[in-house]
Amino acid sequence: MRASCLCLQSEFMEAWSKLFPEMSAEEKETTWVKMDSDKSGTLEVSELAAFFGFNWEGEAATEMTDDQILEALQVRARARACV
């Protein structure tokens, strides 16, 4: 794996399933496809940041949609609950 690689699809699915147990396999796959924008089969930090509306390469965040903000807050809350 490259240094900028965050995780493989299987690792993502395992973690995402713990955060969103009610999400169907199809919804998880759809989320993965949206996140893995370069279709490499690995999730880069920059791809994860872009999914949530941030420009990892730049110095400032791009504007996030309300849905992206809500999803980011849900992920944060669920991650804290898993600890």
Protein backbone atom coordinates (compact mmCIF):
# COMPACT_ATOMS: atom_id res chain seq x y z
CA MET A 1 0.00 0.00 0.00
CA ARG A 2 1.09 3.55 -0.67
CA ALA A 3 1.70 5.94 2.20
CA SER A 4 -1.36 8.01 1.23
CA CYS A 5 -3.61 4.95 1.18
CA LEU A 6 -6.10 4.95 4.01
CA CYS A 7 -7.61 1.50 3.56
CA LEU A 8 -8.66 -1.27 1.25
CA GLN A 9 -12.31 -1.77 0.33
CA SER A 10 -12.63 -4.75 2.69
CA GLU A 11 -11.25 -2.69 5.59
CA PHE A 12 -13.60 0.16 4.76
CA MET A 13 -16.62 -2.13 4.61
CA GLU A 14 -15.78 -3.62 8.00
CA ALA A 15 -15.45 -0.21 9.66
CA TRP A 16 -18.44 1.32 7.84
CA SER A 17 -20.59 -1.67 8.85
CA LYS A 18 -19.78 -1.02 12.51
CA LEU A 19 -20.61 2.67 12.15
CA PHE A 20 -23.78 2.10 10.11
CA PRO A 21 -25.14 -1.38 10.94
CA GLU A 22 -28.57 -0.49 9.54
CA MET A 23 -27.12 0.34 6.11
CA SER A 24 -27.72 -2.30 3.45
CA ALA A 25 -24.86 -3.93 1.56
CA GLU A 26 -26.01 -2.08 -1.56
CA GLU A 27 -25.90 1.29 0.25
CA LYS A 28 -22.41 0.52 1.57
CA GLU A 29 -21.24 -0.39 -1.94
CA THR A 30 -22.75 2.82 -3.33
CA THR A 31 -20.93 4.81 -0.65
CA TRP A 32 -17.65 3.07 -1.49
CA VAL A 33 -18.06 3.83 -5.20
CA LYS A 34 -18.64 7.51 -4.38
CA MET A 35 -15.63 7.64 -2.07
CA ASP A 36 -13.16 5.71 -4.27
CA SER A 37 -13.23 8.37 -6.98
CA ASP A 38 -10.16 7.05 -8.81
CA LYS A 39 -11.57 3.48 -8.78
CA SER A 40 -8.25 2.11 -7.46
CA GLY A 41 -9.83 -0.23 -4.92
CA THR A 42 -8.17 1.68 -2.10
CA LEU A 43 -9.38 4.73 -0.26
CA GLU A 44 -6.89 7.57 -0.18
CA VAL A 45 -6.95 10.24 2.51
CA SER A 46 -7.67 12.83 -0.19
CA GLU A 47 -10.68 10.79 -1.43
CA LEU A 48 -12.13 10.50 2.05
CA ALA A 49 -11.62 14.21 2.62
CA ALA A 50 -13.23 15.06 -0.74
CA PHE A 51 -16.25 12.88 0.09
CA PHE A 52 -16.85 15.04 3.15
CA GLY A 53 -16.21 18.27 1.24
CA PHE A 54 -12.58 18.98 2.10
CA ASN A 55 -9.69 19.65 -0.26
CA TRP A 56 -6.87 17.60 1.32
CA GLU A 57 -4.25 18.96 -1.06
CA GLY A 58 -5.16 22.62 -0.57
CA GLU A 59 -5.02 24.81 2.47
CA ALA A 60 -8.75 25.34 2.82
CA ALA A 61 -11.86 23.21 2.83
CA THR A 62 -14.20 23.37 -0.11
CA GLU A 63 -17.77 24.17 0.76
CA MET A 64 -19.64 21.23 2.28
CA THR A 65 -23.26 20.53 1.51
CA ASP A 66 -25.72 20.16 4.36
CA ASP A 67 -25.86 16.41 3.66
CA GLN A 68 -22.07 16.13 3.88
CA ILE A 69 -22.02 18.00 7.19
CA LEU A 70 -24.77 15.77 8.58
CA GLU A 71 -23.01 12.61 7.44
CA ALA A 72 -19.68 13.75 8.90
CA LEU A 73 -21.35 14.46 12.24
CA GLN A 74 -23.08 11.07 12.20
CA VAL A 75 -19.79 9.29 11.50
CA ARG A 76 -18.11 11.18 14.32
CA ALA A 77 -20.90 10.38 16.79
CA ARG A 78 -20.98 6.71 15.83
CA ALA A 79 -17.19 6.41 15.99
CA ARG A 80 -17.24 7.78 19.53
CA ALA A 81 -19.94 5.29 20.47
CA CYS A 82 -17.80 2.40 19.16
CA VAL A 83 -14.84 3.29 21.39
